[in-house]
Amino acid sequence: MFITLIDFIKYILLGLVQGITEPLPISSSGHVIIFENIFNVYIPDSTNFNIFVNFGSLIAIIIFYRAFLKKILSGAFNYVFKKDKEGKDDFLYILLVIVATIPAAIAGLFLKDIINERFSSLLSVGVALFITGLLLLFIQQAAKTANNEKITLKTSIFMGLAQIIGLFPGISRSGSTTTLGVANKTNLQAALRFSFMMYIPVSFGALALGIFDLDTANTFIPGYIGAFIASLIGTYLAILFFFKLVKKNNLKYFGYYCLTISMGILLYLAIIK
């Protein structure tokens, strides 16, 4: 497959856009659509491309949470196979992640193609980003009185259902799930961490299904590798930046950002028409 240097740069830039926006509560899918429409940048093999860049983000999130993942996995293992009661909470935490993953897994399997087909216009993304902005401003206020560190079954179910809303481009997956977590009085950082844990199995599932649709005839290996690396690095650096703001209770700035981008998109559409 012949690709020019400009095309290669497009792969890198889209990988970077997806990587940076994936862990932030501003919708990575929405930003990729914005980038593609405004700068007229399109990847012909988008299914293959998404597999690679999402895998990069997944690896970055696993690296960031490696200590926590090691703790809960080893604790759950010891509880199940060594009857170590100290690992019970870790085992239950993993079960709650699985419970929260089920709604999005089912919805993604049956609805994702329909959603992408009908709600991937620039107008739809603009409206969805406005909703995301309002959700983030709600979280900012609600988090002040949300003090529960422990994820309950009720919270995991609500956050799992919210992940379905995150399938719509422009609606932040982490923003919508965290909103439901905080609304159930869960501490902001605990809700965010659980939201990222929910992302891991969903992403692995999407990766497994995507491999079956992989079109090797349209595979541009250098561009994919470059996009994968850009996504991995972008995601990791974005997570570090994100949690610095969260610790300073500055989540509202992401809300203002989404509202500003939303109004900018609507103004842009009004002008070009």
Protein backbone atom coordinates (compact mmCIF):
# COMPACT_ATOMS: atom_id res chain seq x y z
CA MET A 1 0.00 0.00 0.00
CA PHE A 2 1.62 3.28 -1.17
CA ILE A 3 1.43 6.19 1.25
CA THR A 4 3.11 9.60 0.94
CA LEU A 5 4.99 11.41 3.70
CA ILE A 6 1.98 13.71 4.18
CA ASP A 7 -0.24 10.69 4.69
CA PHE A 8 2.23 9.29 7.23
CA ILE A 9 2.07 12.57 9.16
CA LYS A 10 -1.73 12.32 9.13
CA TYR A 11 -1.52 8.94 10.83
CA ILE A 12 0.80 10.38 13.49
CA LEU A 13 -1.36 13.43 14.13
CA LEU A 14 -4.60 11.46 14.41
CA GLY A 15 -2.87 8.96 16.69
CA LEU A 16 -1.69 11.85 18.87
CA VAL A 17 -5.15 13.47 18.94
CA GLN A 18 -6.77 10.20 19.94
CA GLY A 19 -4.07 9.44 22.50
CA ILE A 20 -4.16 12.82 24.24
CA THR A 21 -7.95 13.00 24.38
CA GLU A 22 -8.60 9.35 25.34
CA PRO A 23 -7.97 9.68 29.11
CA LEU A 24 -9.33 13.22 29.33
CA PRO A 25 -13.07 13.74 29.91
CA ILE A 26 -13.50 15.53 26.58
CA SER A 27 -14.34 12.63 24.18
CA SER A 28 -11.54 11.22 22.04
CA SER A 29 -13.97 10.06 19.32
CA GLY A 30 -15.49 13.52 19.14
CA HIS A 31 -12.12 15.21 18.77
CA VAL A 32 -11.00 12.81 16.04
CA ILE A 33 -14.18 13.66 14.09
CA ILE A 34 -13.56 17.39 14.60
CA PHE A 35 -9.95 17.03 13.46
CA GLU A 36 -10.96 15.01 10.39
CA ASN A 37 -13.70 17.45 9.31
CA ILE A 38 -12.05 20.79 9.94
CA PHE A 39 -8.60 19.83 8.61
CA ASN A 40 -9.97 17.47 5.95
CA VAL A 41 -7.85 14.61 7.24
CA TYR A 42 -9.20 11.12 6.67
CA ILE A 43 -7.77 7.67 7.21
CA PRO A 44 -9.10 5.29 4.51
CA ASP A 45 -8.70 2.23 6.73
CA SER A 46 -10.30 3.67 9.87
CA THR A 47 -11.22 0.28 11.38
CA ASN A 48 -7.63 -0.93 11.28
CA PHE A 49 -6.39 2.44 12.48
CA ASN A 50 -8.70 2.52 15.51
CA ILE A 51 -7.49 -0.92 16.56
CA PHE A 52 -3.89 0.29 16.70
CA VAL A 53 -4.43 3.66 18.41
CA ASN A 54 -6.86 2.30 21.01
CA PHE A 55 -4.37 -0.43 21.82
CA GLY A 56 -1.74 2.27 22.39
CA SER A 57 -4.05 4.07 24.83
CA LEU A 58 -4.83 0.78 26.58
CA ILE A 59 -1.14 0.02 27.12
CA ALA A 60 -0.54 3.53 28.50
CA ILE A 61 -3.41 3.21 31.00
CA ILE A 62 -2.17 -0.21 32.13
CA ILE A 63 1.33 1.25 32.65
CA PHE A 64 -0.06 4.18 34.64
CA TYR A 65 -2.14 1.91 36.89
CA ARG A 66 0.37 -0.95 37.02
CA ALA A 67 0.82 -0.81 40.81
CA PHE A 68 -2.93 -0.75 41.47
CA LEU A 69 -3.58 -3.51 38.92
CA LYS A 70 -0.86 -5.67 40.45
CA LYS A 71 -2.38 -5.17 43.90
CA ILE A 72 -5.98 -6.09 43.01
CA LEU A 73 -5.00 -8.98 40.72
CA SER A 74 -2.64 -10.54 43.24
CA GLY A 75 -5.13 -9.95 46.06
CA ALA A 76 -7.94 -11.57 44.08
CA PHE A 77 -5.69 -14.49 43.14
CA ASN A 78 -4.71 -15.07 46.77
CA TYR A 79 -8.34 -14.86 47.87
CA VAL A 80 -9.54 -17.41 45.29
CA PHE A 81 -6.66 -19.89 45.30
CA LYS A 82 -5.00 -19.40 48.69
CA LYS A 83 -8.10 -18.55 50.74
CA ASP A 84 -6.48 -15.32 51.91
CA LYS A 85 -9.35 -13.23 53.26
CA GLU A 86 -7.32 -10.03 52.97
CA GLY A 87 -7.80 -10.22 49.23
CA LYS A 88 -11.59 -10.31 49.41
CA ASP A 89 -12.02 -6.59 48.69
CA ASP A 90 -9.74 -6.89 45.66
CA PHE A 91 -11.73 -9.86 44.38
CA LEU A 92 -15.03 -8.00 44.84
CA TYR A 93 -13.58 -4.93 43.11
CA ILE A 94 -12.78 -7.00 40.02
CA LEU A 95 -16.28 -8.49 40.07
CA LEU A 96 -17.75 -4.98 40.16
CA VAL A 97 -15.62 -3.98 37.17
CA ILE A 98 -16.97 -7.00 35.29
CA VAL A 99 -20.55 -6.10 36.25
CA ALA A 100 -20.01 -2.52 35.07
CA THR A 101 -18.52 -3.73 31.78
CA ILE A 102 -21.47 -5.89 30.74
CA PRO A 103 -23.89 -3.09 29.66
CA ALA A 104 -21.32 -1.37 27.43
CA ALA A 105 -20.16 -4.69 25.98
CA ILE A 106 -23.69 -5.61 24.94
CA ALA A 107 -24.54 -2.13 23.67
CA GLY A 108 -21.24 -1.82 21.83
CA LEU A 109 -21.79 -5.13 20.08
CA PHE A 110 -25.26 -4.22 18.79
CA LEU A 111 -25.36 -0.41 18.70
CA LYS A 112 -21.88 0.95 18.03
CA ASP A 113 -22.11 0.76 14.21
CA ILE A 114 -25.55 2.40 14.25
CA ILE A 115 -24.35 5.15 16.59
CA ASN A 116 -21.23 5.81 14.52
CA GLU A 117 -23.31 5.96 11.34
CA ARG A 118 -26.01 8.30 12.64
CA PHE A 119 -24.23 10.43 15.24
CA SER A 120 -20.80 11.10 13.74
CA SER A 121 -21.63 14.42 12.07
CA LEU A 122 -19.93 17.60 13.22
CA LEU A 123 -23.29 18.93 14.43
CA SER A 124 -23.94 15.84 16.55
CA VAL A 125 -20.47 16.09 18.08
CA GLY A 126 -21.00 19.79 18.86
CA VAL A 127 -24.26 19.09 20.71
CA ALA A 128 -22.74 16.09 22.53
CA LEU A 129 -19.73 18.14 23.67
CA PHE A 130 -22.12 20.72 25.13
CA ILE A 131 -23.73 17.93 27.16
CA THR A 132 -20.28 16.70 28.24
CA GLY A 133 -19.38 20.21 29.38
CA LEU A 134 -22.49 20.41 31.55
CA LEU A 135 -21.75 16.98 33.03
CA LEU A 136 -18.23 18.05 34.00
CA LEU A 137 -19.48 21.22 35.68
CA PHE A 138 -21.96 19.06 37.60
CA ILE A 139 -19.15 16.75 38.73
CA GLN A 140 -17.14 19.75 39.93
CA GLN A 141 -19.95 20.76 42.29
CA ALA A 142 -21.18 17.29 43.30
CA ALA A 143 -17.65 16.10 44.14
CA LYS A 144 -17.53 18.52 47.08
CA THR A 145 -19.96 16.35 49.04
CA ALA A 146 -19.02 12.93 47.62
CA ASN A 147 -16.77 11.17 50.15
CA ASN A 148 -17.28 7.41 49.71
CA GLU A 149 -14.05 5.65 48.78
CA LYS A 150 -15.65 2.26 48.18
CA ILE A 151 -17.40 1.30 44.95
CA THR A 152 -20.76 -0.32 45.65
CA LEU A 153 -22.78 -2.67 43.43
CA LYS A 154 -25.29 0.10 42.80
CA THR A 155 -22.54 2.51 41.75
CA SER A 156 -20.92 -0.04 39.44
CA ILE A 157 -24.25 -0.71 37.70
CA PHE A 158 -24.97 2.99 37.22
CA MET A 159 -21.45 3.66 35.94
CA GLY A 160 -21.75 0.68 33.61
CA LEU A 161 -25.00 2.03 32.17
CA ALA A 162 -23.40 5.46 31.78
CA GLN A 163 -20.67 3.88 29.68
CA ILE A 164 -23.33 3.20 27.02
CA ILE A 165 -23.90 6.96 26.73
CA GLY A 166 -20.16 7.31 26.19
CA LEU A 167 -20.49 5.40 22.92
CA PHE A 168 -21.88 8.56 21.31
CA PRO A 169 -19.09 10.66 19.72
CA GLY A 170 -18.71 13.86 21.72
CA ILE A 171 -19.98 12.33 24.97
CA SER A 172 -17.00 11.62 27.20
CA ARG A 173 -16.96 8.01 28.42
CA SER A 174 -14.99 8.90 31.54
CA GLY A 175 -17.06 12.04 32.05
CA SER A 176 -20.41 10.24 31.88
CA THR A 177 -19.34 7.29 34.03
CA THR A 178 -17.68 9.50 36.64
CA THR A 179 -20.78 11.70 36.78
CA LEU A 180 -22.91 8.72 37.82
CA GLY A 181 -20.23 7.61 40.29
CA VAL A 182 -20.03 11.02 41.96
CA ALA A 183 -23.83 11.35 41.87
CA ASN A 184 -23.87 8.20 44.03
CA LYS A 185 -21.58 9.98 46.52
CA THR A 186 -18.38 8.24 45.40
CA ASN A 187 -15.16 10.17 45.88
CA LEU A 188 -14.03 11.79 42.60
CA GLN A 189 -10.65 10.05 42.41
CA ALA A 190 -12.19 6.67 43.32
CA ALA A 191 -14.85 7.13 40.64
CA LEU A 192 -12.26 8.14 38.03
CA ARG A 193 -10.06 5.17 38.86
CA PHE A 194 -13.01 2.80 38.56
CA SER A 195 -13.90 4.43 35.24
CA PHE A 196 -10.41 3.69 33.92
CA MET A 197 -10.62 0.13 35.21
CA MET A 198 -13.87 -0.25 33.26
CA TYR A 199 -12.08 0.92 30.13
CA ILE A 200 -9.53 -1.89 30.25
CA PRO A 201 -11.82 -4.93 29.68
CA VAL A 202 -13.99 -3.00 27.20
CA SER A 203 -10.90 -2.03 25.24
CA PHE A 204 -9.56 -5.59 25.28
CA GLY A 205 -12.93 -6.79 24.00
CA ALA A 206 -13.01 -4.20 21.21
CA LEU A 207 -9.46 -5.15 20.29
CA ALA A 208 -10.33 -8.85 20.11
CA LEU A 209 -13.37 -8.18 17.91
CA GLY A 210 -11.47 -5.70 15.77
CA ILE A 211 -8.76 -8.17 14.93
CA PHE A 212 -11.34 -10.28 13.09
CA ASP A 213 -12.17 -7.27 10.89
CA LEU A 214 -8.54 -6.39 10.27
CA ASP A 215 -7.97 -5.80 6.55
CA THR A 216 -4.34 -6.65 5.91
CA ALA A 217 -4.60 -5.46 2.30
CA ASN A 218 -5.00 -1.88 3.54
CA THR A 219 -2.48 -2.14 6.35
CA PHE A 220 0.13 0.63 6.26
CA ILE A 221 2.52 -0.72 8.89
CA PRO A 222 4.80 2.36 9.31
CA GLY A 223 1.78 4.65 9.75
CA TYR A 224 0.16 2.26 12.22
CA ILE A 225 3.31 1.90 14.28
CA GLY A 226 3.77 5.66 14.34
CA ALA A 227 0.14 6.24 15.35
CA PHE A 228 0.42 3.52 18.03
CA ILE A 229 3.50 5.15 19.57
CA ALA A 230 1.95 8.64 19.36
CA SER A 231 -1.23 7.36 21.00
CA LEU A 232 0.64 5.55 23.78
CA ILE A 233 2.84 8.54 24.64
CA GLY A 234 -0.02 11.03 24.28
CA THR A 235 -2.31 9.01 26.54
CA TYR A 236 0.30 8.55 29.26
CA LEU A 237 1.27 12.23 29.37
CA ALA A 238 -2.41 13.26 29.30
CA ILE A 239 -3.17 11.04 32.31
CA LEU A 240 -0.36 12.64 34.30
CA PHE A 241 -1.64 16.10 33.41
CA PHE A 242 -5.26 15.14 34.11
CA PHE A 243 -4.71 13.87 37.63
CA LYS A 244 -2.65 16.92 38.56
CA LEU A 245 -5.71 19.02 37.75
CA VAL A 246 -8.05 16.61 39.55
CA LYS A 247 -5.97 16.86 42.73
CA LYS A 248 -6.32 20.64 42.54
CA ASN A 249 -10.08 20.33 42.00
CA ASN A 250 -9.82 21.91 38.55
CA LEU A 251 -12.08 19.54 36.63
CA LYS A 252 -14.28 22.51 35.75
CA TYR A 253 -11.74 23.69 33.17
CA PHE A 254 -12.47 20.62 31.06
CA GLY A 255 -16.15 21.55 31.29
CA TYR A 256 -15.47 25.09 30.10
CA TYR A 257 -13.28 23.68 27.33
CA CYS A 258 -16.05 21.37 26.06
CA LEU A 259 -18.61 24.17 26.13
CA THR A 260 -16.24 26.47 24.24
CA ILE A 261 -15.44 23.87 21.57
CA SER A 262 -19.14 23.07 21.25
CA MET A 263 -20.08 26.70 20.66
CA GLY A 264 -17.13 27.05 18.26
CA ILE A 265 -18.37 24.09 16.20
CA LEU A 266 -21.92 25.42 16.04
CA LEU A 267 -20.62 28.85 15.00
CA TYR A 268 -18.36 27.26 12.39
CA LEU A 269 -21.28 25.29 10.92
CA ALA A 270 -23.46 28.40 10.86
CA ILE A 271 -20.76 30.35 8.97
CA ILE A 272 -19.98 27.72 6.31
CA LYS A 273 -23.69 27.26 5.58
